[in-house]
Amino acid sequence: MEEERKLKCFKCGVPLEIQTVFLEYSCNSLHTDLPVCPVCGQVYMSEEMARTKAVEVEQQFEEK
């Protein structure tokens, strides 16, 4: 997650902070930590992270 700590919000120009966010995917949801702009609230998720989180959610709900 070191890479995400160096990211800045394109709109606000401030460094992103790791915060817990609510994600919903395919009628399922979870809370996870992602880089977020502390000013405007925009969440950053790379394509790789999105794929990883989607697999995580699928695995969690298959276990239930």
PDB file of N, CA and C in Angstrom:
ATOM      1  N   MET A   1       0.819  -1.202   0.000  1.00  0.00           N
ATOM      2  CA  MET A   1       0.000   0.000   0.000  1.00  0.00           C
ATOM      3  C   MET A   1       0.864   1.268   0.000  1.00  0.00           C
ATOM      4  N   GLU A   2       2.169   1.116  -0.034  1.00  0.00           N
ATOM      5  CA  GLU A   2       3.050   2.275  -0.049  1.00  0.00           C
ATOM      6  C   GLU A   2       2.768   3.173  -1.250  1.00  0.00           C
ATOM      7  N   GLU A   3       2.471   2.573  -2.414  1.00  0.00           N
ATOM      8  CA  GLU A   3       2.194   3.336  -3.621  1.00  0.00           C
ATOM      9  C   GLU A   3       1.002   4.262  -3.419  1.00  0.00           C
ATOM     10  N   GLU A   4      -0.070   3.787  -2.767  1.00  0.00           N
ATOM     11  CA  GLU A   4      -1.273   4.581  -2.581  1.00  0.00           C
ATOM     12  C   GLU A   4      -1.027   5.784  -1.675  1.00  0.00           C
ATOM     13  N   ARG A   5      -0.091   5.690  -0.747  1.00  0.00           N
ATOM     14  CA  ARG A   5       0.188   6.797   0.178  1.00  0.00           C
ATOM     15  C   ARG A   5       0.794   7.993  -0.551  1.00  0.00           C
ATOM     16  N   LYS A   6       1.385   7.761  -1.708  1.00  0.00           N
ATOM     17  CA  LYS A   6       2.001   8.833  -2.473  1.00  0.00           C
ATOM     18  C   LYS A   6       1.013   9.488  -3.439  1.00  0.00           C
ATOM     19  N   LEU A   7      -0.163   8.918  -3.579  1.00  0.00           N
ATOM     20  CA  LEU A   7      -1.144   9.440  -4.527  1.00  0.00           C
ATOM     21  C   LEU A   7      -1.740  10.756  -4.032  1.00  0.00           C
ATOM     22  N   LYS A   8      -2.069  11.625  -4.984  1.00  0.00           N
ATOM     23  CA  LYS A   8      -2.741  12.888  -4.668  1.00  0.00           C
ATOM     24  C   LYS A   8      -4.046  12.948  -5.439  1.00  0.00           C
ATOM     25  N   CYS A   9      -5.019  13.625  -4.884  1.00  0.00           N
ATOM     26  CA  CYS A   9      -6.303  13.828  -5.543  1.00  0.00           C
ATOM     27  C   CYS A   9      -6.086  14.752  -6.749  1.00  0.00           C
ATOM     28  N   PHE A  10      -6.558  14.333  -7.908  1.00  0.00           N
ATOM     29  CA  PHE A  10      -6.406  15.138  -9.114  1.00  0.00           C
ATOM     30  C   PHE A  10      -7.161  16.466  -8.980  1.00  0.00           C
ATOM     31  N   LYS A  11      -8.337  16.406  -8.382  1.00  0.00           N
ATOM     32  CA  LYS A  11      -9.183  17.597  -8.250  1.00  0.00           C
ATOM     33  C   LYS A  11      -8.656  18.565  -7.184  1.00  0.00           C
ATOM     34  N   CYS A  12      -8.320  18.039  -6.001  1.00  0.00           N
ATOM     35  CA  CYS A  12      -7.967  18.880  -4.857  1.00  0.00           C
ATOM     36  C   CYS A  12      -6.463  19.081  -4.678  1.00  0.00           C
ATOM     37  N   GLY A  13      -5.667  18.160  -5.216  1.00  0.00           N
ATOM     38  CA  GLY A  13      -4.219  18.277  -5.105  1.00  0.00           C
ATOM     39  C   GLY A  13      -3.652  17.907  -3.742  1.00  0.00           C
ATOM     40  N   VAL A  14      -4.451  17.294  -2.883  1.00  0.00           N
ATOM     41  CA  VAL A  14      -3.969  16.899  -1.554  1.00  0.00           C
ATOM     42  C   VAL A  14      -3.672  15.397  -1.533  1.00  0.00           C
ATOM     43  N   PRO A  15      -2.754  14.971  -0.667  1.00  0.00           N
ATOM     44  CA  PRO A  15      -2.448  13.537  -0.569  1.00  0.00           C
ATOM     45  C   PRO A  15      -3.665  12.740  -0.105  1.00  0.00           C
ATOM     46  N   LEU A  16      -3.823  11.550  -0.682  1.00  0.00           N
ATOM     47  CA  LEU A  16      -4.910  10.670  -0.285  1.00  0.00           C
ATOM     48  C   LEU A  16      -4.571  10.018   1.043  1.00  0.00           C
ATOM     49  N   GLU A  17      -5.607   9.732   1.831  1.00  0.00           N
ATOM     50  CA  GLU A  17      -5.450   9.078   3.129  1.00  0.00           C
ATOM     51  C   GLU A  17      -6.168   7.745   3.091  1.00  0.00           C
ATOM     52  N   ILE A  18      -5.618   6.746   3.771  1.00  0.00           N
ATOM     53  CA  ILE A  18      -6.261   5.443   3.850  1.00  0.00           C
ATOM     54  C   ILE A  18      -7.440   5.548   4.819  1.00  0.00           C
ATOM     55  N   GLN A  19      -8.625   5.183   4.331  1.00  0.00           N
ATOM     56  CA  GLN A  19      -9.846   5.213   5.137  1.00  0.00           C
ATOM     57  C   GLN A  19     -10.657   3.954   4.856  1.00  0.00           C
ATOM     58  N   THR A  20     -11.504   3.578   5.793  1.00  0.00           N
ATOM     59  CA  THR A  20     -12.401   2.450   5.591  1.00  0.00           C
ATOM     60  C   THR A  20     -13.578   2.917   4.749  1.00  0.00           C
ATOM     61  N   VAL A  21     -13.839   2.217   3.644  1.00  0.00           N
ATOM     62  CA  VAL A  21     -14.947   2.561   2.761  1.00  0.00           C
ATOM     63  C   VAL A  21     -15.863   1.351   2.584  1.00  0.00           C
ATOM     64  N   PHE A  22     -17.093   1.621   2.209  1.00  0.00           N
ATOM     65  CA  PHE A  22     -18.100   0.595   1.968  1.00  0.00           C
ATOM     66  C   PHE A  22     -18.131   0.299   0.481  1.00  0.00           C
ATOM     67  N   LEU A  23     -17.932  -0.969   0.112  1.00  0.00           N
ATOM     68  CA  LEU A  23     -17.977  -1.381  -1.287  1.00  0.00           C
ATOM     69  C   LEU A  23     -19.158  -2.312  -1.509  1.00  0.00           C
ATOM     70  N   GLU A  24     -19.796  -2.172  -2.660  1.00  0.00           N
ATOM     71  CA  GLU A  24     -20.884  -3.066  -3.036  1.00  0.00           C
ATOM     72  C   GLU A  24     -20.544  -3.656  -4.393  1.00  0.00           C
ATOM     73  N   TYR A  25     -20.660  -4.981  -4.494  1.00  0.00           N
ATOM     74  CA  TYR A  25     -20.319  -5.670  -5.735  1.00  0.00           C
ATOM     75  C   TYR A  25     -21.273  -6.838  -5.924  1.00  0.00           C
ATOM     76  N   SER A  26     -21.948  -6.863  -7.041  1.00  0.00           N
ATOM     77  CA  SER A  26     -22.823  -7.974  -7.383  1.00  0.00           C
ATOM     78  C   SER A  26     -23.784  -8.315  -6.243  1.00  0.00           C
ATOM     79  N   CYS A  27     -24.466  -7.301  -5.727  1.00  0.00           N
ATOM     80  CA  CYS A  27     -25.450  -7.435  -4.642  1.00  0.00           C
ATOM     81  C   CYS A  27     -24.825  -7.880  -3.326  1.00  0.00           C
ATOM     82  N   ASN A  28     -23.522  -7.803  -3.177  1.00  0.00           N
ATOM     83  CA  ASN A  28     -22.831  -8.111  -1.934  1.00  0.00           C
ATOM     84  C   ASN A  28     -22.023  -6.887  -1.527  1.00  0.00           C
ATOM     85  N   SER A  29     -21.675  -6.803  -0.254  1.00  0.00           N
ATOM     86  CA  SER A  29     -20.953  -5.621   0.202  1.00  0.00           C
ATOM     87  C   SER A  29     -19.927  -5.973   1.273  1.00  0.00           C
ATOM     88  N   LEU A  30     -18.971  -5.068   1.460  1.00  0.00           N
ATOM     89  CA  LEU A  30     -17.979  -5.206   2.518  1.00  0.00           C
ATOM     90  C   LEU A  30     -17.353  -3.853   2.802  1.00  0.00           C
ATOM     91  N   HIS A  31     -16.695  -3.762   3.938  1.00  0.00           N
ATOM     92  CA  HIS A  31     -15.919  -2.580   4.302  1.00  0.00           C
ATOM     93  C   HIS A  31     -14.448  -2.927   4.102  1.00  0.00           C
ATOM     94  N   THR A  32     -13.689  -1.997   3.530  1.00  0.00           N
ATOM     95  CA  THR A  32     -12.267  -2.218   3.292  1.00  0.00           C
ATOM     96  C   THR A  32     -11.523  -0.887   3.326  1.00  0.00           C
ATOM     97  N   ASP A  33     -10.221  -0.934   3.505  1.00  0.00           N
ATOM     98  CA  ASP A  33      -9.403   0.275   3.551  1.00  0.00           C
ATOM     99  C   ASP A  33      -8.871   0.604   2.166  1.00  0.00           C
ATOM    100  N   LEU A  34      -9.115   1.838   1.733  1.00  0.00           N
ATOM    101  CA  LEU A  34      -8.667   2.324   0.426  1.00  0.00           C
ATOM    102  C   LEU A  34      -8.229   3.782   0.544  1.00  0.00           C
ATOM    103  N   PRO A  35      -7.422   4.264  -0.402  1.00  0.00           N
ATOM    104  CA  PRO A  35      -7.034   5.676  -0.421  1.00  0.00           C
ATOM    105  C   PRO A  35      -8.239   6.572  -0.771  1.00  0.00           C
ATOM    106  N   VAL A  36      -8.425   7.620   0.031  1.00  0.00           N
ATOM    107  CA  VAL A  36      -9.561   8.535  -0.143  1.00  0.00           C
ATOM    108  C   VAL A  36      -9.065   9.973  -0.005  1.00  0.00           C
ATOM    109  N   CYS A  37      -9.627  10.871  -0.805  1.00  0.00           N
ATOM    110  CA  CYS A  37      -9.311  12.293  -0.670  1.00  0.00           C
ATOM    111  C   CYS A  37     -10.009  12.822   0.584  1.00  0.00           C
ATOM    112  N   PRO A  38      -9.252  13.417   1.522  1.00  0.00           N
ATOM    113  CA  PRO A  38      -9.873  13.936   2.746  1.00  0.00           C
ATOM    114  C   PRO A  38     -10.711  15.192   2.508  1.00  0.00           C
ATOM    115  N   VAL A  39     -10.557  15.817   1.342  1.00  0.00           N
ATOM    116  CA  VAL A  39     -11.304  17.041   1.035  1.00  0.00           C
ATOM    117  C   VAL A  39     -12.625  16.731   0.332  1.00  0.00           C
ATOM    118  N   CYS A  40     -12.561  16.021  -0.805  1.00  0.00           N
ATOM    119  CA  CYS A  40     -13.779  15.793  -1.600  1.00  0.00           C
ATOM    120  C   CYS A  40     -14.369  14.390  -1.425  1.00  0.00           C
ATOM    121  N   GLY A  41     -13.614  13.471  -0.802  1.00  0.00           N
ATOM    122  CA  GLY A  41     -14.144  12.130  -0.545  1.00  0.00           C
ATOM    123  C   GLY A  41     -14.000  11.152  -1.698  1.00  0.00           C
ATOM    124  N   GLN A  42     -13.346  11.560  -2.788  1.00  0.00           N
ATOM    125  CA  GLN A  42     -13.162  10.659  -3.926  1.00  0.00           C
ATOM    126  C   GLN A  42     -12.296   9.475  -3.512  1.00  0.00           C
ATOM    127  N   VAL A  43     -12.735   8.265  -3.872  1.00  0.00           N
ATOM    128  CA  VAL A  43     -12.009   7.038  -3.536  1.00  0.00           C
ATOM    129  C   VAL A  43     -11.161   6.620  -4.725  1.00  0.00           C
ATOM    130  N   TYR A  44      -9.920   6.212  -4.458  1.00  0.00           N
ATOM    131  CA  TYR A  44      -9.039   5.717  -5.515  1.00  0.00           C
ATOM    132  C   TYR A  44      -8.978   4.198  -5.441  1.00  0.00           C
ATOM    133  N   MET A  45      -9.207   3.550  -6.580  1.00  0.00           N
ATOM    134  CA  MET A  45      -9.059   2.105  -6.657  1.00  0.00           C
ATOM    135  C   MET A  45      -8.453   1.774  -8.015  1.00  0.00           C
ATOM    136  N   SER A  46      -7.260   1.189  -7.994  1.00  0.00           N
ATOM    137  CA  SER A  46      -6.612   0.799  -9.246  1.00  0.00           C
ATOM    138  C   SER A  46      -7.342  -0.412  -9.820  1.00  0.00           C
ATOM    139  N   GLU A  47      -7.092  -0.696 -11.083  1.00  0.00           N
ATOM    140  CA  GLU A  47      -7.713  -1.860 -11.724  1.00  0.00           C
ATOM    141  C   GLU A  47      -7.317  -3.139 -10.992  1.00  0.00           C
ATOM    142  N   GLU A  48      -6.059  -3.232 -10.606  1.00  0.00           N
ATOM    143  CA  GLU A  48      -5.581  -4.414  -9.884  1.00  0.00           C
ATOM    144  C   GLU A  48      -6.303  -4.569  -8.540  1.00  0.00           C
ATOM    145  N   MET A  49      -6.471  -3.449  -7.831  1.00  0.00           N
ATOM    146  CA  MET A  49      -7.176  -3.496  -6.553  1.00  0.00           C
ATOM    147  C   MET A  49      -8.632  -3.894  -6.752  1.00  0.00           C
ATOM    148  N   ALA A  50      -9.255  -3.383  -7.794  1.00  0.00           N
ATOM    149  CA  ALA A  50     -10.658  -3.705  -8.062  1.00  0.00           C
ATOM    150  C   ALA A  50     -10.816  -5.203  -8.309  1.00  0.00           C
ATOM    151  N   ARG A  51      -9.925  -5.774  -9.077  1.00  0.00           N
ATOM    152  CA  ARG A  51      -9.980  -7.215  -9.339  1.00  0.00           C
ATOM    153  C   ARG A  51      -9.772  -8.002  -8.050  1.00  0.00           C
ATOM    154  N   THR A  52      -8.811  -7.589  -7.248  1.00  0.00           N
ATOM    155  CA  THR A  52      -8.522  -8.271  -5.992  1.00  0.00           C
ATOM    156  C   THR A  52      -9.720  -8.196  -5.051  1.00  0.00           C
ATOM    157  N   LYS A  53     -10.321  -7.024  -4.925  1.00  0.00           N
ATOM    158  CA  LYS A  53     -11.471  -6.847  -4.025  1.00  0.00           C
ATOM    159  C   LYS A  53     -12.669  -7.640  -4.515  1.00  0.00           C
ATOM    160  N   ALA A  54     -12.881  -7.703  -5.820  1.00  0.00           N
ATOM    161  CA  ALA A  54     -14.007  -8.471  -6.363  1.00  0.00           C
ATOM    162  C   ALA A  54     -13.853  -9.941  -6.011  1.00  0.00           C
ATOM    163  N   VAL A  55     -12.658 -10.471  -6.125  1.00  0.00           N
ATOM    164  CA  VAL A  55     -12.399 -11.871  -5.783  1.00  0.00           C
ATOM    165  C   VAL A  55     -12.595 -12.079  -4.286  1.00  0.00           C
ATOM    166  N   GLU A  56     -12.127 -11.118  -3.480  1.00  0.00           N
ATOM    167  CA  GLU A  56     -12.295 -11.175  -2.027  1.00  0.00           C
ATOM    168  C   GLU A  56     -13.766 -11.271  -1.645  1.00  0.00           C
ATOM    169  N   VAL A  57     -14.574 -10.410  -2.233  1.00  0.00           N
ATOM    170  CA  VAL A  57     -16.012 -10.398  -1.938  1.00  0.00           C
ATOM    171  C   VAL A  57     -16.647 -11.723  -2.344  1.00  0.00           C
ATOM    172  N   GLU A  58     -16.325 -12.200  -3.526  1.00  0.00           N
ATOM    173  CA  GLU A  58     -16.886 -13.471  -3.993  1.00  0.00           C
ATOM    174  C   GLU A  58     -16.521 -14.598  -3.034  1.00  0.00           C
ATOM    175  N   GLN A  59     -15.268 -14.642  -2.590  1.00  0.00           N
ATOM    176  CA  GLN A  59     -14.830 -15.689  -1.680  1.00  0.00           C
ATOM    177  C   GLN A  59     -15.545 -15.600  -0.335  1.00  0.00           C
ATOM    178  N   GLN A  60     -15.715 -14.386   0.186  1.00  0.00           N
ATOM    179  CA  GLN A  60     -16.387 -14.207   1.460  1.00  0.00           C
ATOM    180  C   GLN A  60     -17.828 -14.708   1.408  1.00  0.00           C
ATOM    181  N   PHE A  61     -18.516 -14.423   0.333  1.00  0.00           N
ATOM    182  CA  PHE A  61     -19.915 -14.827   0.251  1.00  0.00           C
ATOM    183  C   PHE A  61     -20.092 -16.300  -0.128  1.00  0.00           C
ATOM    184  N   GLU A  62     -19.097 -16.887  -0.773  1.00  0.00           N
ATOM    185  CA  GLU A  62     -19.153 -18.314  -1.048  1.00  0.00           C
ATOM    186  C   GLU A  62     -18.968 -19.119   0.232  1.00  0.00           C
ATOM    187  N   GLU A  63     -18.207 -18.555   1.178  1.00  0.00           N
ATOM    188  CA  GLU A  63     -17.962 -19.216   2.452  1.00  0.00           C
ATOM    189  C   GLU A  63     -19.198 -19.231   3.352  1.00  0.00           C
ATOM    190  N   LYS A  64     -20.104 -18.317   3.146  1.00  0.00           N
ATOM    191  CA  LYS A  64     -21.305 -18.213   3.994  1.00  0.00           C
ATOM    192  C   LYS A  64     -22.329 -19.236   3.633  1.00  0.00           C
TER     193      LYS A  64
END
